[in-house]
Amino acid sequence: MGSFHSQPTKILSLARRLLGATTTFGDDTVDMRVYNDTAEEIVATVEDMNATPPEPVLVVRIAYGFALFPAFLAADIEGDGHVRWSAETTGTVFSRCGHRKRRGLTNDATLRVSPVSMRVVALGNSPQLLCFNRYGLEANSGGSK
């Protein structure tokens, strides 16, 4: 259990979250790294899901293979980060994509992003790009899973 002196900070942080404030006090941020764990060039986006409303903390047009980028997130009541990321290859022949949510990120965490699914086109009244992996269709690349 935390010390008695940290209780007012936790209560204030909870009140700020309930009121929809997006800024934080003191050390209420999570410093992390985003890592392109493939040799391919990708387009990557990372959104801070603790922010109200969720906002991009990293938008990289092209991340070269095995690149590392810093990112700063708002911490939740436990001091952890929560993100949603998406990544897709820049090639046009065999386009791949990937997206996930990740909770419980702590300071100095490394978030690995990689486009692991094949991209397919769903035809019909409204054509859209979909990610296809070994489990089947995941939904469009802008979504989360």
N, C-alpha and C. Protein backbone atom coordinates (compact mmCIF):
# COMPACT_ATOMS: atom_id res chain seq x y z
N MET A 1 0.84 -1.17 0.00
CA MET A 1 0.00 0.00 0.00
C MET A 1 0.88 1.24 0.00
N GLY A 2 0.48 2.29 -0.68
CA GLY A 2 1.26 3.51 -0.79
C GLY A 2 1.28 4.30 0.50
N SER A 3 2.15 5.29 0.56
CA SER A 3 2.24 6.12 1.75
C SER A 3 1.02 7.04 1.84
N PHE A 4 0.82 7.55 3.03
CA PHE A 4 -0.31 8.45 3.26
C PHE A 4 -0.19 9.71 2.42
N HIS A 5 1.05 10.17 2.19
CA HIS A 5 1.27 11.42 1.45
C HIS A 5 0.95 11.30 -0.03
N SER A 6 0.92 10.08 -0.60
CA SER A 6 0.62 9.93 -2.03
C SER A 6 -0.88 9.88 -2.30
N GLN A 7 -1.69 9.71 -1.27
CA GLN A 7 -3.14 9.63 -1.46
C GLN A 7 -3.73 10.90 -2.07
N PRO A 8 -3.40 12.11 -1.61
CA PRO A 8 -3.97 13.30 -2.24
C PRO A 8 -3.62 13.40 -3.73
N THR A 9 -2.40 12.98 -4.09
CA THR A 9 -2.00 13.01 -5.50
C THR A 9 -2.85 12.06 -6.32
N LYS A 10 -3.11 10.86 -5.79
CA LYS A 10 -3.93 9.88 -6.50
C LYS A 10 -5.37 10.38 -6.64
N ILE A 11 -5.90 10.99 -5.59
CA ILE A 11 -7.26 11.51 -5.63
C ILE A 11 -7.35 12.65 -6.63
N LEU A 12 -6.37 13.55 -6.63
CA LEU A 12 -6.34 14.66 -7.58
C LEU A 12 -6.23 14.14 -9.01
N SER A 13 -5.39 13.14 -9.22
CA SER A 13 -5.23 12.57 -10.55
C SER A 13 -6.54 11.94 -11.03
N LEU A 14 -7.24 11.21 -10.15
CA LEU A 14 -8.52 10.61 -10.50
C LEU A 14 -9.55 11.70 -10.82
N ALA A 15 -9.59 12.76 -10.02
CA ALA A 15 -10.54 13.85 -10.26
C ALA A 15 -10.27 14.50 -11.62
N ARG A 16 -9.00 14.69 -11.95
CA ARG A 16 -8.65 15.29 -13.24
C ARG A 16 -9.09 14.39 -14.39
N ARG A 17 -8.93 13.08 -14.24
CA ARG A 17 -9.36 12.14 -15.28
C ARG A 17 -10.88 12.19 -15.47
N LEU A 18 -11.60 12.23 -14.35
CA LEU A 18 -13.06 12.25 -14.43
C LEU A 18 -13.56 13.55 -15.05
N LEU A 19 -12.83 14.64 -14.86
CA LEU A 19 -13.22 15.92 -15.43
C LEU A 19 -12.73 16.09 -16.87
N GLY A 20 -11.96 15.14 -17.36
CA GLY A 20 -11.53 15.19 -18.76
C GLY A 20 -10.30 16.02 -19.01
N ALA A 21 -9.50 16.29 -18.01
CA ALA A 21 -8.28 17.08 -18.20
C ALA A 21 -7.23 16.23 -18.89
N THR A 22 -6.47 16.82 -19.80
CA THR A 22 -5.47 16.05 -20.53
C THR A 22 -4.05 16.31 -20.04
N THR A 23 -3.82 17.35 -19.29
CA THR A 23 -2.46 17.60 -18.82
C THR A 23 -2.24 16.84 -17.52
N THR A 24 -0.98 16.66 -17.17
CA THR A 24 -0.64 15.90 -15.98
C THR A 24 0.29 16.71 -15.10
N PHE A 25 0.38 16.33 -13.85
CA PHE A 25 1.27 16.98 -12.90
C PHE A 25 2.51 16.14 -12.69
N GLY A 26 3.64 16.80 -12.48
CA GLY A 26 4.86 16.13 -12.06
C GLY A 26 5.27 14.97 -12.95
N ASP A 27 5.42 13.79 -12.34
CA ASP A 27 5.91 12.62 -13.04
C ASP A 27 4.78 11.75 -13.57
N ASP A 28 3.66 12.33 -13.93
CA ASP A 28 2.52 11.55 -14.42
C ASP A 28 2.65 11.26 -15.90
N THR A 29 3.86 11.02 -16.37
CA THR A 29 4.07 10.63 -17.76
C THR A 29 4.86 9.33 -17.80
N VAL A 30 4.72 8.63 -18.89
CA VAL A 30 5.47 7.40 -19.12
C VAL A 30 6.39 7.66 -20.31
N ASP A 31 7.68 7.55 -20.10
CA ASP A 31 8.67 7.71 -21.16
C ASP A 31 8.93 6.32 -21.74
N MET A 32 8.73 6.18 -23.04
CA MET A 32 8.89 4.87 -23.66
C MET A 32 9.55 5.01 -25.02
N ARG A 33 9.82 3.87 -25.67
CA ARG A 33 10.41 3.84 -27.00
C ARG A 33 9.52 3.00 -27.91
N VAL A 34 9.38 3.44 -29.15
CA VAL A 34 8.65 2.70 -30.17
C VAL A 34 9.68 2.13 -31.12
N TYR A 35 9.59 0.82 -31.38
CA TYR A 35 10.61 0.12 -32.15
C TYR A 35 10.00 -0.57 -33.36
N ASN A 36 10.48 -0.25 -34.55
CA ASN A 36 10.11 -0.96 -35.77
C ASN A 36 10.94 -2.23 -35.79
N ASP A 37 10.35 -3.37 -35.43
CA ASP A 37 11.13 -4.60 -35.30
C ASP A 37 11.21 -5.42 -36.59
N THR A 38 11.11 -4.74 -37.73
CA THR A 38 11.28 -5.40 -39.02
C THR A 38 12.36 -4.67 -39.81
N ALA A 39 12.80 -5.29 -40.89
CA ALA A 39 13.78 -4.65 -41.77
C ALA A 39 13.11 -3.75 -42.80
N GLU A 40 11.78 -3.73 -42.81
CA GLU A 40 11.03 -2.97 -43.81
C GLU A 40 10.77 -1.55 -43.36
N GLU A 41 10.57 -0.67 -44.35
CA GLU A 41 10.12 0.69 -44.07
C GLU A 41 8.63 0.63 -43.78
N ILE A 42 8.20 1.31 -42.72
CA ILE A 42 6.79 1.32 -42.36
C ILE A 42 6.31 2.74 -42.08
N VAL A 43 5.01 2.91 -42.12
CA VAL A 43 4.34 4.11 -41.64
C VAL A 43 3.71 3.71 -40.31
N ALA A 44 4.03 4.42 -39.24
CA ALA A 44 3.56 4.02 -37.91
C ALA A 44 2.87 5.18 -37.20
N THR A 45 1.82 4.85 -36.44
CA THR A 45 1.11 5.82 -35.61
C THR A 45 0.88 5.19 -34.25
N VAL A 46 1.12 5.97 -33.19
CA VAL A 46 0.87 5.52 -31.82
C VAL A 46 -0.03 6.55 -31.16
N GLU A 47 -1.16 6.10 -30.60
CA GLU A 47 -2.10 6.98 -29.93
C GLU A 47 -2.09 6.71 -28.43
N ASP A 48 -2.12 7.78 -27.65
CA ASP A 48 -2.20 7.70 -26.19
C ASP A 48 -3.66 7.53 -25.80
N MET A 49 -4.03 6.36 -25.32
CA MET A 49 -5.41 6.08 -24.96
C MET A 49 -5.76 6.61 -23.57
N ASN A 50 -4.76 7.04 -22.78
CA ASN A 50 -5.05 7.66 -21.49
C ASN A 50 -5.44 9.13 -21.62
N ALA A 51 -5.09 9.74 -22.73
CA ALA A 51 -5.46 11.14 -22.96
C ALA A 51 -6.96 11.23 -23.22
N THR A 52 -7.53 12.36 -22.87
CA THR A 52 -8.97 12.56 -23.07
C THR A 52 -9.17 13.76 -23.98
N PRO A 53 -9.56 13.58 -25.22
CA PRO A 53 -9.75 12.33 -25.94
C PRO A 53 -8.41 11.73 -26.36
N PRO A 54 -8.39 10.44 -26.78
CA PRO A 54 -7.13 9.84 -27.22
C PRO A 54 -6.48 10.69 -28.31
N GLU A 55 -5.15 10.82 -28.24
CA GLU A 55 -4.45 11.66 -29.20
C GLU A 55 -3.16 11.00 -29.65
N PRO A 56 -2.73 11.29 -30.89
CA PRO A 56 -1.48 10.71 -31.38
C PRO A 56 -0.29 11.28 -30.62
N VAL A 57 0.62 10.41 -30.22
CA VAL A 57 1.86 10.84 -29.58
C VAL A 57 3.04 10.61 -30.51
N LEU A 58 2.82 9.80 -31.53
CA LEU A 58 3.87 9.55 -32.51
C LEU A 58 3.21 9.27 -33.85
N VAL A 59 3.56 10.06 -34.83
CA VAL A 59 3.10 9.84 -36.19
C VAL A 59 4.35 9.89 -37.06
N VAL A 60 4.76 8.75 -37.56
CA VAL A 60 5.98 8.65 -38.34
C VAL A 60 5.61 8.27 -39.76
N ARG A 61 5.92 9.12 -40.68
CA ARG A 61 5.58 8.84 -42.07
C ARG A 61 6.36 7.63 -42.57
N ILE A 62 7.65 7.61 -42.35
CA ILE A 62 8.45 6.44 -42.73
C ILE A 62 9.41 6.14 -41.59
N ALA A 63 9.31 4.93 -41.06
CA ALA A 63 10.24 4.44 -40.05
C ALA A 63 11.08 3.37 -40.71
N TYR A 64 12.35 3.63 -40.89
CA TYR A 64 13.22 2.66 -41.55
C TYR A 64 13.40 1.44 -40.65
N GLY A 65 13.83 0.34 -41.24
CA GLY A 65 13.97 -0.91 -40.51
C GLY A 65 14.77 -0.78 -39.24
N PHE A 66 14.26 -1.38 -38.17
CA PHE A 66 14.89 -1.45 -36.86
C PHE A 66 15.12 -0.08 -36.23
N ALA A 67 14.30 0.91 -36.58
CA ALA A 67 14.42 2.26 -36.01
C ALA A 67 13.74 2.32 -34.65
N LEU A 68 14.23 3.22 -33.81
CA LEU A 68 13.73 3.43 -32.46
C LEU A 68 13.35 4.89 -32.29
N PHE A 69 12.16 5.16 -31.76
CA PHE A 69 11.67 6.53 -31.58
C PHE A 69 11.20 6.73 -30.14
N PRO A 70 11.48 7.88 -29.54
CA PRO A 70 10.95 8.16 -28.19
C PRO A 70 9.49 8.59 -28.27
N ALA A 71 8.74 8.31 -27.22
CA ALA A 71 7.35 8.76 -27.10
C ALA A 71 7.05 8.98 -25.63
N PHE A 72 6.15 9.93 -25.35
CA PHE A 72 5.78 10.26 -23.99
C PHE A 72 4.27 10.13 -23.87
N LEU A 73 3.82 9.39 -22.86
CA LEU A 73 2.40 9.10 -22.67
C LEU A 73 1.91 9.65 -21.35
N ALA A 74 0.61 9.93 -21.28
CA ALA A 74 -0.02 10.25 -20.00
C ALA A 74 -0.15 8.96 -19.21
N ALA A 75 0.13 9.01 -17.93
CA ALA A 75 0.02 7.83 -17.08
C ALA A 75 -1.40 7.70 -16.55
N ASP A 76 -1.84 6.45 -16.35
CA ASP A 76 -3.14 6.24 -15.73
C ASP A 76 -2.99 6.30 -14.21
N ILE A 77 -4.02 5.95 -13.49
CA ILE A 77 -4.01 6.06 -12.02
C ILE A 77 -2.92 5.18 -11.39
N GLU A 78 -2.56 4.08 -12.07
CA GLU A 78 -1.49 3.21 -11.57
C GLU A 78 -0.11 3.64 -12.04
N GLY A 79 -0.06 4.67 -12.91
CA GLY A 79 1.21 5.15 -13.43
C GLY A 79 1.65 4.48 -14.72
N ASP A 80 0.74 3.73 -15.36
CA ASP A 80 1.07 3.00 -16.58
C ASP A 80 0.51 3.68 -17.82
N GLY A 81 1.10 3.39 -18.97
CA GLY A 81 0.63 3.91 -20.23
C GLY A 81 -0.27 2.91 -20.94
N HIS A 82 -1.12 3.42 -21.82
CA HIS A 82 -2.05 2.60 -22.61
C HIS A 82 -2.07 3.20 -24.01
N VAL A 83 -1.72 2.40 -25.02
CA VAL A 83 -1.63 2.91 -26.38
C VAL A 83 -2.40 2.02 -27.35
N ARG A 84 -2.68 2.61 -28.50
CA ARG A 84 -3.17 1.88 -29.67
C ARG A 84 -2.21 2.25 -30.79
N TRP A 85 -1.68 1.24 -31.48
CA TRP A 85 -0.74 1.52 -32.56
C TRP A 85 -1.19 0.87 -33.85
N SER A 86 -0.73 1.45 -34.96
CA SER A 86 -0.95 0.85 -36.27
C SER A 86 0.32 1.06 -37.09
N ALA A 87 0.58 0.11 -37.97
CA ALA A 87 1.76 0.19 -38.84
C ALA A 87 1.44 -0.50 -40.15
N GLU A 88 1.99 0.03 -41.23
CA GLU A 88 1.84 -0.61 -42.53
C GLU A 88 3.10 -0.39 -43.34
N THR A 89 3.38 -1.33 -44.22
CA THR A 89 4.57 -1.23 -45.06
C THR A 89 4.36 -0.16 -46.12
N THR A 90 5.47 0.36 -46.63
CA THR A 90 5.39 1.40 -47.65
C THR A 90 5.42 0.80 -49.05
N GLY A 91 5.74 -0.47 -49.19
CA GLY A 91 5.80 -1.11 -50.50
C GLY A 91 4.41 -1.30 -51.09
N THR A 92 4.35 -1.39 -52.39
CA THR A 92 3.06 -1.54 -53.05
C THR A 92 2.79 -2.96 -53.54
N VAL A 93 3.81 -3.80 -53.64
CA VAL A 93 3.62 -5.14 -54.18
C VAL A 93 2.95 -6.06 -53.17
N PHE A 94 3.55 -6.25 -52.02
CA PHE A 94 3.00 -7.10 -50.97
C PHE A 94 2.81 -6.24 -49.72
N SER A 95 1.76 -5.47 -49.70
CA SER A 95 1.50 -4.57 -48.58
C SER A 95 1.07 -5.36 -47.36
N ARG A 96 1.63 -5.00 -46.21
CA ARG A 96 1.27 -5.65 -44.95
C ARG A 96 0.91 -4.59 -43.92
N CYS A 97 0.13 -4.98 -42.92
CA CYS A 97 -0.31 -4.03 -41.90
C CYS A 97 -0.41 -4.73 -40.55
N GLY A 98 -0.53 -3.94 -39.53
CA GLY A 98 -0.71 -4.47 -38.18
C GLY A 98 -1.22 -3.39 -37.27
N HIS A 99 -1.93 -3.78 -36.23
CA HIS A 99 -2.43 -2.83 -35.23
C HIS A 99 -2.81 -3.59 -33.98
N ARG A 100 -2.62 -2.97 -32.85
CA ARG A 100 -2.93 -3.58 -31.55
C ARG A 100 -3.13 -2.48 -30.52
N LYS A 101 -3.66 -2.88 -29.38
CA LYS A 101 -3.68 -2.04 -28.18
C LYS A 101 -2.73 -2.68 -27.19
N ARG A 102 -2.12 -1.84 -26.36
CA ARG A 102 -1.20 -2.35 -25.35
C ARG A 102 -1.37 -1.55 -24.08
N ARG A 103 -1.62 -2.23 -22.97
CA ARG A 103 -1.78 -1.62 -21.65
C ARG A 103 -0.59 -1.94 -20.76
N GLY A 104 -0.49 -1.23 -19.67
CA GLY A 104 0.52 -1.55 -18.67
C GLY A 104 1.94 -1.17 -19.04
N LEU A 105 2.11 -0.18 -19.91
CA LEU A 105 3.46 0.26 -20.30
C LEU A 105 4.06 1.10 -19.18
N THR A 106 5.25 0.77 -18.81
CA THR A 106 5.94 1.48 -17.73
C THR A 106 7.08 2.30 -18.32
N ASN A 107 7.72 3.13 -17.47
CA ASN A 107 8.85 3.92 -17.93
C ASN A 107 9.91 3.03 -18.55
N ASP A 108 10.51 3.50 -19.62
CA ASP A 108 11.57 2.81 -20.36
C ASP A 108 11.08 1.55 -21.06
N ALA A 109 9.78 1.39 -21.23
CA ALA A 109 9.25 0.24 -21.96
C ALA A 109 9.54 0.41 -23.45
N THR A 110 9.64 -0.69 -24.16
CA THR A 110 9.81 -0.67 -25.61
C THR A 110 8.57 -1.29 -26.24
N LEU A 111 7.91 -0.52 -27.09
CA LEU A 111 6.73 -0.98 -27.79
C LEU A 111 7.17 -1.42 -29.18
N ARG A 112 7.03 -2.71 -29.48
CA ARG A 112 7.41 -3.24 -30.79
C ARG A 112 6.22 -3.14 -31.73
N VAL A 113 6.41 -2.47 -32.84
CA VAL A 113 5.36 -2.35 -33.85
C VAL A 113 5.84 -3.04 -35.12
N SER A 114 4.96 -3.82 -35.73
CA SER A 114 5.33 -4.48 -36.97
C SER A 114 4.09 -4.84 -37.78
N PRO A 115 4.18 -4.68 -39.09
CA PRO A 115 3.08 -5.08 -39.96
C PRO A 115 3.17 -6.57 -40.25
N VAL A 116 2.41 -7.38 -39.54
CA VAL A 116 2.52 -8.84 -39.65
C VAL A 116 1.42 -9.47 -40.47
N SER A 117 0.41 -8.71 -40.88
CA SER A 117 -0.73 -9.26 -41.61
C SER A 117 -0.69 -8.83 -43.07
N MET A 118 -1.21 -9.67 -43.93
CA MET A 118 -1.32 -9.30 -45.34
C MET A 118 -2.49 -8.34 -45.51
N ARG A 119 -2.33 -7.38 -46.41
CA ARG A 119 -3.40 -6.43 -46.69
C ARG A 119 -4.17 -6.94 -47.90
N VAL A 120 -5.50 -6.95 -47.78
CA VAL A 120 -6.36 -7.36 -48.89
C VAL A 120 -7.40 -6.28 -49.12
N VAL A 121 -7.98 -6.29 -50.28
CA VAL A 121 -9.02 -5.31 -50.60
C VAL A 121 -10.37 -6.02 -50.55
N ALA A 122 -11.30 -5.49 -49.75
CA ALA A 122 -12.65 -6.03 -49.69
C ALA A 122 -13.50 -5.23 -50.67
N LEU A 123 -14.06 -5.92 -51.65
CA LEU A 123 -14.86 -5.25 -52.66
C LEU A 123 -16.32 -5.28 -52.27
N GLY A 124 -17.08 -4.43 -52.85
CA GLY A 124 -18.50 -4.34 -52.55
C GLY A 124 -18.95 -2.92 -52.77
N ASN A 125 -19.99 -2.53 -52.07
CA ASN A 125 -20.51 -1.17 -52.21
C ASN A 125 -19.50 -0.12 -51.75
N SER A 126 -18.71 -0.46 -50.74
CA SER A 126 -17.70 0.48 -50.24
C SER A 126 -16.37 -0.26 -50.06
N PRO A 127 -15.51 -0.28 -51.09
CA PRO A 127 -14.23 -0.99 -51.00
C PRO A 127 -13.39 -0.44 -49.84
N GLN A 128 -12.72 -1.33 -49.14
CA GLN A 128 -11.85 -0.91 -48.05
C GLN A 128 -10.68 -1.87 -47.93
N LEU A 129 -9.59 -1.37 -47.36
CA LEU A 129 -8.41 -2.19 -47.13
C LEU A 129 -8.57 -2.89 -45.79
N LEU A 130 -8.28 -4.19 -45.78
CA LEU A 130 -8.40 -4.99 -44.57
C LEU A 130 -7.09 -5.70 -44.29
N CYS A 131 -6.83 -5.98 -43.03
CA CYS A 131 -5.68 -6.79 -42.65
C CYS A 131 -6.12 -8.25 -42.57
N PHE A 132 -5.32 -9.15 -43.10
CA PHE A 132 -5.64 -10.57 -43.06
C PHE A 132 -4.47 -11.28 -42.42
N ASN A 133 -4.72 -12.02 -41.36
CA ASN A 133 -3.65 -12.79 -40.74
C ASN A 133 -4.07 -14.25 -40.65
N ARG A 134 -3.32 -15.05 -39.95
CA ARG A 134 -3.62 -16.49 -39.88
C ARG A 134 -4.93 -16.79 -39.18
N TYR A 135 -5.49 -15.82 -38.44
CA TYR A 135 -6.75 -16.02 -37.76
C TYR A 135 -7.94 -15.55 -38.59
N GLY A 136 -7.68 -14.89 -39.71
CA GLY A 136 -8.76 -14.37 -40.55
C GLY A 136 -8.69 -12.86 -40.63
N LEU A 137 -9.78 -12.23 -41.05
CA LEU A 137 -9.82 -10.78 -41.20
C LEU A 137 -9.86 -10.12 -39.84
N GLU A 138 -9.07 -9.07 -39.67
CA GLU A 138 -9.00 -8.35 -38.40
C GLU A 138 -9.89 -7.13 -38.35
N ALA A 139 -10.23 -6.55 -39.43
CA ALA A 139 -10.97 -5.27 -39.56
C ALA A 139 -10.04 -4.31 -40.28
N ASN A 140 -10.54 -3.11 -40.57
CA ASN A 140 -9.69 -2.20 -41.34
C ASN A 140 -8.49 -1.77 -40.51
N SER A 141 -7.44 -1.34 -41.20
CA SER A 141 -6.17 -1.06 -40.52
C SER A 141 -6.26 0.10 -39.55
N GLY A 142 -7.26 0.94 -39.65
CA GLY A 142 -7.41 2.05 -38.71
C GLY A 142 -8.03 1.64 -37.41
N GLY A 143 -8.58 0.43 -37.34
CA GLY A 143 -9.24 -0.05 -36.13
C GLY A 143 -8.25 -0.58 -35.12
N SER A 144 -8.76 -1.25 -34.14
CA SER A 144 -7.89 -1.82 -33.12
C SER A 144 -8.34 -3.22 -32.82
N LYS A 145 -7.43 -4.00 -32.36
CA LYS A 145 -7.75 -5.37 -32.00
C LYS A 145 -6.85 -5.81 -30.91
